[in-house]
Amino acid sequence: MLNFLLQMGTKTIMRTKIKPLLGLLCLSIFSIGLKAQTIFDVELVFFKRLDATGQFNYLAKEAHSASRQGYSLKNPTRLPEDFVPLKRNEQKLEGVYRRLRASANMRPLLHIGWRQPLNDKEQTPWLSFEVSDLPEKKGLQNFIGNIRFSRNQGLLVENIISGFKAADPNFVIEETDEQTPEPLAGYFELKENRKIKINKLNYFDHPTMGILIKVTPYQATLEEQEALEAQ
């Protein structure tokens, strides 16, 4: 009888010790999974329209609405801490980029991707990019863009992209009572804030340009999970 009571007491003590250990183990595994799931790959394809005509209702102000930021998508050394540029074999929109290149109406000018942690909007910096096209190509020629992916009651993408084309000095305006400016001369703006879905192709459209964005949860490797666990 005494031996039975001693065995029961030992089992009770072991259960009392094991439960907190199991709880800590589960919490550790959950924390690793949470960190892995709050890292995302963001991929962007920017293109301009070759068939755009004078969309005067979309004219921006006297200058670019977007501006150069301290962090540049086209310069890996100028990305925020914990932001990493995606290698070409990690990008998933290469096929989309090639199809746009074959289009008669659209001309892609930028395909880029990066990996970043998901933070609140106020804690997420803006990223910028600049691209230009050849002067002889149709459509706008110079672009500057700002973009930010953050958490704000969901997954939010904010973007401001300004496109510009100088007026052609050889363009002749007919002498009429109502003179019209040269089509596509001036500043145009694509500006939109939108909640997006992961693993989906998100399209931001404008009569003169557009962007395609895909956001994918990053799956940490075993080595990265072990590093997180060590931390």
C-alpha atoms as a PDB file:
ATOM      1  CA  MET A   1       0.000   0.000   0.000  1.00  0.00           C
ATOM      2  CA  LEU A   2       2.816   2.350   0.934  1.00  0.00           C
ATOM      3  CA  ASN A   3       4.635   1.580  -2.315  1.00  0.00           C
ATOM      4  CA  PHE A   4       1.453   2.317  -4.291  1.00  0.00           C
ATOM      5  CA  LEU A   5       1.043   5.717  -2.596  1.00  0.00           C
ATOM      6  CA  LEU A   6       4.689   6.545  -3.222  1.00  0.00           C
ATOM      7  CA  GLN A   7       4.324   5.675  -6.921  1.00  0.00           C
ATOM      8  CA  MET A   8       1.188   7.797  -7.216  1.00  0.00           C
ATOM      9  CA  GLY A   9       2.948  10.705  -5.524  1.00  0.00           C
ATOM     10  CA  THR A  10       5.930  10.415  -7.866  1.00  0.00           C
ATOM     11  CA  LYS A  11       3.655  10.413 -10.939  1.00  0.00           C
ATOM     12  CA  THR A  12       1.815  13.473  -9.644  1.00  0.00           C
ATOM     13  CA  ILE A  13       5.105  15.334  -9.138  1.00  0.00           C
ATOM     14  CA  MET A  14       6.301  14.347 -12.610  1.00  0.00           C
ATOM     15  CA  ARG A  15       3.049  15.565 -14.190  1.00  0.00           C
ATOM     16  CA  THR A  16       3.365  18.799 -12.232  1.00  0.00           C
ATOM     17  CA  LYS A  17       6.871  19.351 -13.641  1.00  0.00           C
ATOM     18  CA  ILE A  18       6.145  18.169 -17.177  1.00  0.00           C
ATOM     19  CA  LYS A  19       3.096  20.397 -17.766  1.00  0.00           C
ATOM     20  CA  PRO A  20       5.028  23.690 -17.465  1.00  0.00           C
ATOM     21  CA  LEU A  21       7.790  22.284 -19.682  1.00  0.00           C
ATOM     22  CA  LEU A  22       5.262  21.284 -22.326  1.00  0.00           C
ATOM     23  CA  GLY A  23       3.705  24.729 -22.083  1.00  0.00           C
ATOM     24  CA  LEU A  24       7.074  26.417 -22.621  1.00  0.00           C
ATOM     25  CA  LEU A  25       7.841  24.100 -25.541  1.00  0.00           C
ATOM     26  CA  CYS A  26       4.498  24.846 -27.217  1.00  0.00           C
ATOM     27  CA  LEU A  27       4.991  28.578 -26.657  1.00  0.00           C
ATOM     28  CA  SER A  28       8.464  28.385 -28.195  1.00  0.00           C
ATOM     29  CA  ILE A  29       7.185  26.521 -31.263  1.00  0.00           C
ATOM     30  CA  PHE A  30       4.277  28.973 -31.614  1.00  0.00           C
ATOM     31  CA  SER A  31       6.657  31.937 -31.380  1.00  0.00           C
ATOM     32  CA  ILE A  32       8.879  30.502 -34.105  1.00  0.00           C
ATOM     33  CA  GLY A  33       5.880  29.909 -36.367  1.00  0.00           C
ATOM     34  CA  LEU A  34       4.549  33.386 -35.671  1.00  0.00           C
ATOM     35  CA  LYS A  35       7.866  35.014 -36.569  1.00  0.00           C
ATOM     36  CA  ALA A  36       8.104  32.956 -39.742  1.00  0.00           C
ATOM     37  CA  GLN A  37       4.579  33.917 -40.802  1.00  0.00           C
ATOM     38  CA  THR A  38       5.137  37.631 -40.209  1.00  0.00           C
ATOM     39  CA  ILE A  39       7.872  37.724 -42.850  1.00  0.00           C
ATOM     40  CA  PHE A  40       6.641  38.274 -46.397  1.00  0.00           C
ATOM     41  CA  ASP A  41       8.053  38.302 -49.910  1.00  0.00           C
ATOM     42  CA  VAL A  42       6.795  41.313 -51.874  1.00  0.00           C
ATOM     43  CA  GLU A  43       7.198  41.371 -55.645  1.00  0.00           C
ATOM     44  CA  LEU A  44       6.424  44.259 -57.973  1.00  0.00           C
ATOM     45  CA  VAL A  45       6.200  44.669 -61.739  1.00  0.00           C
ATOM     46  CA  PHE A  46       5.850  48.251 -62.983  1.00  0.00           C
ATOM     47  CA  PHE A  47       4.808  49.019 -66.558  1.00  0.00           C
ATOM     48  CA  LYS A  48       3.721  51.967 -68.644  1.00  0.00           C
ATOM     49  CA  ARG A  49       1.046  52.078 -71.339  1.00  0.00           C
ATOM     50  CA  LEU A  50       2.089  52.718 -74.916  1.00  0.00           C
ATOM     51  CA  ASP A  51      -1.461  53.334 -76.131  1.00  0.00           C
ATOM     52  CA  ALA A  52      -2.218  56.100 -73.622  1.00  0.00           C
ATOM     53  CA  THR A  53      -3.537  59.366 -74.996  1.00  0.00           C
ATOM     54  CA  GLY A  54      -4.127  62.710 -73.310  1.00  0.00           C
ATOM     55  CA  GLN A  55      -5.948  61.840 -70.064  1.00  0.00           C
ATOM     56  CA  PHE A  56      -6.143  65.411 -68.839  1.00  0.00           C
ATOM     57  CA  ASN A  57      -8.320  64.572 -65.860  1.00  0.00           C
ATOM     58  CA  TYR A  58      -5.364  62.629 -64.453  1.00  0.00           C
ATOM     59  CA  LEU A  59      -2.818  65.418 -64.691  1.00  0.00           C
ATOM     60  CA  ALA A  60      -0.917  65.834 -61.424  1.00  0.00           C
ATOM     61  CA  LYS A  61       0.284  69.104 -59.975  1.00  0.00           C
ATOM     62  CA  GLU A  62       3.258  71.105 -61.164  1.00  0.00           C
ATOM     63  CA  ALA A  63       5.781  68.527 -59.957  1.00  0.00           C
ATOM     64  CA  HIS A  64       6.108  64.874 -59.037  1.00  0.00           C
ATOM     65  CA  SER A  65       3.824  63.881 -56.170  1.00  0.00           C
ATOM     66  CA  ALA A  66       6.170  61.034 -55.260  1.00  0.00           C
ATOM     67  CA  SER A  67       9.591  61.853 -53.837  1.00  0.00           C
ATOM     68  CA  ARG A  68      12.979  60.253 -53.285  1.00  0.00           C
ATOM     69  CA  GLN A  69      13.080  58.385 -49.991  1.00  0.00           C
ATOM     70  CA  GLY A  70      16.025  57.385 -47.840  1.00  0.00           C
ATOM     71  CA  TYR A  71      15.416  53.747 -48.777  1.00  0.00           C
ATOM     72  CA  SER A  72      15.740  52.661 -52.403  1.00  0.00           C
ATOM     73  CA  LEU A  73      14.464  49.422 -53.952  1.00  0.00           C
ATOM     74  CA  LYS A  74      17.073  49.656 -56.695  1.00  0.00           C
ATOM     75  CA  ASN A  75      19.994  49.878 -54.266  1.00  0.00           C
ATOM     76  CA  PRO A  76      20.241  46.869 -51.876  1.00  0.00           C
ATOM     77  CA  THR A  77      22.634  48.755 -49.610  1.00  0.00           C
ATOM     78  CA  ARG A  78      19.955  51.373 -49.002  1.00  0.00           C
ATOM     79  CA  LEU A  79      17.185  49.066 -47.775  1.00  0.00           C
ATOM     80  CA  PRO A  80      15.870  49.199 -44.194  1.00  0.00           C
ATOM     81  CA  GLU A  81      17.179  46.791 -41.596  1.00  0.00           C
ATOM     82  CA  ASP A  82      15.630  43.300 -41.958  1.00  0.00           C
ATOM     83  CA  PHE A  83      14.687  44.050 -45.612  1.00  0.00           C
ATOM     84  CA  VAL A  84      16.395  41.725 -48.102  1.00  0.00           C
ATOM     85  CA  PRO A  85      16.255  41.882 -51.929  1.00  0.00           C
ATOM     86  CA  LEU A  86      14.869  38.740 -53.554  1.00  0.00           C
ATOM     87  CA  LYS A  87      17.140  36.772 -55.835  1.00  0.00           C
ATOM     88  CA  ARG A  88      15.927  36.129 -59.355  1.00  0.00           C
ATOM     89  CA  ASN A  89      15.190  32.444 -58.635  1.00  0.00           C
ATOM     90  CA  GLU A  90      13.018  33.535 -55.696  1.00  0.00           C
ATOM     91  CA  GLN A  91      10.786  35.762 -57.818  1.00  0.00           C
ATOM     92  CA  LYS A  92       7.460  34.384 -59.031  1.00  0.00           C
ATOM     93  CA  LEU A  93       6.367  37.004 -61.582  1.00  0.00           C
ATOM     94  CA  GLU A  94       9.009  36.407 -64.245  1.00  0.00           C
ATOM     95  CA  GLY A  95       6.376  34.897 -66.561  1.00  0.00           C
ATOM     96  CA  VAL A  96       4.114  37.911 -66.077  1.00  0.00           C
ATOM     97  CA  TYR A  97       7.023  40.236 -66.872  1.00  0.00           C
ATOM     98  CA  ARG A  98       7.810  38.345 -70.084  1.00  0.00           C
ATOM     99  CA  ARG A  99       4.168  38.462 -71.218  1.00  0.00           C
ATOM    100  CA  LEU A 100       4.091  42.219 -70.694  1.00  0.00           C
ATOM    101  CA  ARG A 101       7.248  42.575 -72.777  1.00  0.00           C
ATOM    102  CA  ALA A 102       5.483  40.800 -75.620  1.00  0.00           C
ATOM    103  CA  SER A 103       2.453  43.105 -75.375  1.00  0.00           C
ATOM    104  CA  ALA A 104       1.872  45.753 -78.029  1.00  0.00           C
ATOM    105  CA  ASN A 105       0.188  48.123 -75.567  1.00  0.00           C
ATOM    106  CA  MET A 106       2.264  47.812 -72.381  1.00  0.00           C
ATOM    107  CA  ARG A 107       5.977  48.137 -71.715  1.00  0.00           C
ATOM    108  CA  PRO A 108       7.398  46.822 -68.398  1.00  0.00           C
ATOM    109  CA  LEU A 109      10.190  48.952 -66.954  1.00  0.00           C
ATOM    110  CA  LEU A 110      10.852  47.353 -63.566  1.00  0.00           C
ATOM    111  CA  HIS A 111      10.622  43.912 -61.948  1.00  0.00           C
ATOM    112  CA  ILE A 112      11.848  43.784 -58.377  1.00  0.00           C
ATOM    113  CA  GLY A 113      11.172  41.927 -55.137  1.00  0.00           C
ATOM    114  CA  TRP A 114      12.140  42.095 -51.486  1.00  0.00           C
ATOM    115  CA  ARG A 115      11.617  40.250 -48.198  1.00  0.00           C
ATOM    116  CA  GLN A 116      10.451  42.189 -45.170  1.00  0.00           C
ATOM    117  CA  PRO A 117       8.928  41.791 -41.710  1.00  0.00           C
ATOM    118  CA  LEU A 118       5.278  42.749 -41.333  1.00  0.00           C
ATOM    119  CA  ASN A 119       4.948  45.743 -39.028  1.00  0.00           C
ATOM    120  CA  ASP A 120       2.308  48.323 -38.252  1.00  0.00           C
ATOM    121  CA  LYS A 121       1.898  51.146 -40.751  1.00  0.00           C
ATOM    122  CA  GLU A 122       3.532  53.725 -38.483  1.00  0.00           C
ATOM    123  CA  GLN A 123       6.605  51.504 -38.057  1.00  0.00           C
ATOM    124  CA  THR A 124       7.069  50.705 -41.763  1.00  0.00           C
ATOM    125  CA  PRO A 125       9.236  53.007 -43.907  1.00  0.00           C
ATOM    126  CA  TRP A 126       8.451  54.052 -47.459  1.00  0.00           C
ATOM    127  CA  LEU A 127      10.566  52.594 -50.265  1.00  0.00           C
ATOM    128  CA  SER A 128      11.242  54.429 -53.516  1.00  0.00           C
ATOM    129  CA  PHE A 129      12.306  53.656 -57.066  1.00  0.00           C
ATOM    130  CA  GLU A 130      13.088  55.625 -60.215  1.00  0.00           C
ATOM    131  CA  VAL A 131      12.973  54.389 -63.805  1.00  0.00           C
ATOM    132  CA  SER A 132      13.215  56.027 -67.226  1.00  0.00           C
ATOM    133  CA  ASP A 133      12.437  54.896 -70.747  1.00  0.00           C
ATOM    134  CA  LEU A 134      14.030  55.727 -74.056  1.00  0.00           C
ATOM    135  CA  PRO A 135      12.949  59.120 -75.453  1.00  0.00           C
ATOM    136  CA  GLU A 136      11.774  57.606 -78.732  1.00  0.00           C
ATOM    137  CA  LYS A 137       9.325  55.250 -77.010  1.00  0.00           C
ATOM    138  CA  LYS A 138       5.668  56.167 -76.763  1.00  0.00           C
ATOM    139  CA  GLY A 139       4.041  57.087 -73.470  1.00  0.00           C
ATOM    140  CA  LEU A 140       5.554  58.726 -70.403  1.00  0.00           C
ATOM    141  CA  GLN A 141       9.317  58.666 -70.004  1.00  0.00           C
ATOM    142  CA  ASN A 142      10.360  59.341 -66.402  1.00  0.00           C
ATOM    143  CA  PHE A 143       8.871  57.798 -63.279  1.00  0.00           C
ATOM    144  CA  ILE A 144       9.407  58.019 -59.543  1.00  0.00           C
ATOM    145  CA  GLY A 145       7.497  55.826 -57.125  1.00  0.00           C
ATOM    146  CA  ASN A 146       6.949  55.337 -53.401  1.00  0.00           C
ATOM    147  CA  ILE A 147       5.547  52.105 -51.993  1.00  0.00           C
ATOM    148  CA  ARG A 148       4.888  50.647 -48.550  1.00  0.00           C
ATOM    149  CA  PHE A 149       3.554  47.260 -47.395  1.00  0.00           C
ATOM    150  CA  SER A 150       2.350  47.134 -43.799  1.00  0.00           C
ATOM    151  CA  ARG A 151      -0.256  45.910 -41.348  1.00  0.00           C
ATOM    152  CA  ASN A 152      -3.269  48.168 -40.793  1.00  0.00           C
ATOM    153  CA  GLN A 153      -6.408  46.151 -39.944  1.00  0.00           C
ATOM    154  CA  GLY A 154      -5.255  43.723 -42.605  1.00  0.00           C
ATOM    155  CA  LEU A 155      -2.494  43.729 -45.203  1.00  0.00           C
ATOM    156  CA  LEU A 156      -2.139  47.177 -46.742  1.00  0.00           C
ATOM    157  CA  VAL A 157      -0.244  48.348 -49.824  1.00  0.00           C
ATOM    158  CA  GLU A 158       0.159  52.099 -50.325  1.00  0.00           C
ATOM    159  CA  ASN A 159       1.688  53.497 -53.488  1.00  0.00           C
ATOM    160  CA  ILE A 160       2.295  56.867 -55.114  1.00  0.00           C
ATOM    161  CA  ILE A 161       3.836  56.847 -58.589  1.00  0.00           C
ATOM    162  CA  SER A 162       4.404  59.940 -60.699  1.00  0.00           C
ATOM    163  CA  GLY A 163       5.099  59.820 -64.417  1.00  0.00           C
ATOM    164  CA  PHE A 164       6.363  62.699 -66.522  1.00  0.00           C
ATOM    165  CA  LYS A 165       6.939  63.592 -70.135  1.00  0.00           C
ATOM    166  CA  ALA A 166       8.319  66.881 -71.364  1.00  0.00           C
ATOM    167  CA  ALA A 167       6.454  68.758 -74.064  1.00  0.00           C
ATOM    168  CA  ASP A 168       7.754  68.330 -77.573  1.00  0.00           C
ATOM    169  CA  PRO A 169       9.136  71.706 -78.739  1.00  0.00           C
ATOM    170  CA  ASN A 170       8.284  70.720 -82.310  1.00  0.00           C
ATOM    171  CA  PHE A 171       4.636  70.123 -81.469  1.00  0.00           C
ATOM    172  CA  VAL A 172       2.482  72.618 -83.400  1.00  0.00           C
ATOM    173  CA  ILE A 173      -0.765  73.821 -81.847  1.00  0.00           C
ATOM    174  CA  GLU A 174      -3.431  74.993 -84.229  1.00  0.00           C
ATOM    175  CA  GLU A 175      -4.377  78.610 -83.732  1.00  0.00           C
ATOM    176  CA  THR A 176      -7.886  78.336 -82.393  1.00  0.00           C
ATOM    177  CA  ASP A 177      -9.834  80.029 -79.656  1.00  0.00           C
ATOM    178  CA  GLU A 178      -9.297  77.043 -77.336  1.00  0.00           C
ATOM    179  CA  GLN A 179      -5.754  75.779 -77.430  1.00  0.00           C
ATOM    180  CA  THR A 180      -5.104  72.289 -76.057  1.00  0.00           C
ATOM    181  CA  PRO A 181      -1.817  71.047 -74.611  1.00  0.00           C
ATOM    182  CA  GLU A 182       0.204  68.296 -76.181  1.00  0.00           C
ATOM    183  CA  PRO A 183      -1.189  64.874 -75.230  1.00  0.00           C
ATOM    184  CA  LEU A 184       0.734  63.243 -72.388  1.00  0.00           C
ATOM    185  CA  ALA A 185       2.914  66.273 -71.696  1.00  0.00           C
ATOM    186  CA  GLY A 186       3.163  66.929 -67.978  1.00  0.00           C
ATOM    187  CA  TYR A 187       2.832  65.033 -64.692  1.00  0.00           C
ATOM    188  CA  PHE A 188       0.549  62.058 -64.138  1.00  0.00           C
ATOM    189  CA  GLU A 189      -0.117  60.254 -60.895  1.00  0.00           C
ATOM    190  CA  LEU A 190      -1.099  56.753 -59.817  1.00  0.00           C
ATOM    191  CA  LYS A 191      -2.023  56.842 -56.137  1.00  0.00           C
ATOM    192  CA  GLU A 192      -3.930  54.129 -54.294  1.00  0.00           C
ATOM    193  CA  ASN A 193      -4.102  52.537 -50.834  1.00  0.00           C
ATOM    194  CA  ARG A 194      -5.619  49.075 -50.824  1.00  0.00           C
ATOM    195  CA  LYS A 195      -6.080  46.036 -48.637  1.00  0.00           C
ATOM    196  CA  ILE A 196      -4.643  43.095 -50.546  1.00  0.00           C
ATOM    197  CA  LYS A 197      -4.820  39.312 -50.454  1.00  0.00           C
ATOM    198  CA  ILE A 198      -1.753  37.134 -50.104  1.00  0.00           C
ATOM    199  CA  ASN A 199      -0.757  34.716 -52.861  1.00  0.00           C
ATOM    200  CA  LYS A 200      -2.886  36.725 -55.316  1.00  0.00           C
ATOM    201  CA  LEU A 201      -1.879  39.026 -58.156  1.00  0.00           C
ATOM    202  CA  ASN A 202      -2.992  42.537 -57.164  1.00  0.00           C
ATOM    203  CA  TYR A 203      -3.436  45.054 -59.993  1.00  0.00           C
ATOM    204  CA  PHE A 204      -3.178  48.838 -59.565  1.00  0.00           C
ATOM    205  CA  ASP A 205      -4.294  50.532 -62.771  1.00  0.00           C
ATOM    206  CA  HIS A 206      -4.025  53.966 -64.388  1.00  0.00           C
ATOM    207  CA  PRO A 207      -4.581  55.155 -67.991  1.00  0.00           C
ATOM    208  CA  THR A 208      -0.839  55.822 -68.400  1.00  0.00           C
ATOM    209  CA  MET A 209       0.815  53.179 -66.184  1.00  0.00           C
ATOM    210  CA  GLY A 210       0.206  50.316 -63.782  1.00  0.00           C
ATOM    211  CA  ILE A 211       1.755  47.974 -61.238  1.00  0.00           C
ATOM    212  CA  LEU A 212       1.277  44.303 -60.395  1.00  0.00           C
ATOM    213  CA  ILE A 213       2.052  43.204 -56.837  1.00  0.00           C
ATOM    214  CA  LYS A 214       2.163  39.757 -55.303  1.00  0.00           C
ATOM    215  CA  VAL A 215       2.705  39.166 -51.575  1.00  0.00           C
ATOM    216  CA  THR A 216       3.678  35.696 -50.388  1.00  0.00           C
ATOM    217  CA  PRO A 217       4.274  34.476 -46.808  1.00  0.00           C
ATOM    218  CA  TYR A 218       7.898  33.502 -46.389  1.00  0.00           C
ATOM    219  CA  GLN A 219       8.509  29.989 -45.079  1.00  0.00           C
ATOM    220  CA  ALA A 220      11.611  29.967 -42.903  1.00  0.00           C
ATOM    221  CA  THR A 221      14.129  27.173 -43.428  1.00  0.00           C
ATOM    222  CA  LEU A 222      15.038  24.725 -40.650  1.00  0.00           C
ATOM    223  CA  GLU A 223      18.298  26.593 -40.064  1.00  0.00           C
ATOM    224  CA  GLU A 224      16.472  29.912 -39.739  1.00  0.00           C
ATOM    225  CA  GLN A 225      13.963  28.387 -37.322  1.00  0.00           C
ATOM    226  CA  GLU A 226      16.811  27.053 -35.209  1.00  0.00           C
ATOM    227  CA  ALA A 227      18.381  30.505 -35.201  1.00  0.00           C
ATOM    228  CA  LEU A 228      15.082  32.011 -34.038  1.00  0.00           C
ATOM    229  CA  GLU A 229      14.826  29.377 -31.344  1.00  0.00           C
ATOM    230  CA  ALA A 230      18.350  30.181 -30.185  1.00  0.00           C
ATOM    231  CA  GLN A 231      17.396  33.850 -29.930  1.00  0.00           C
END
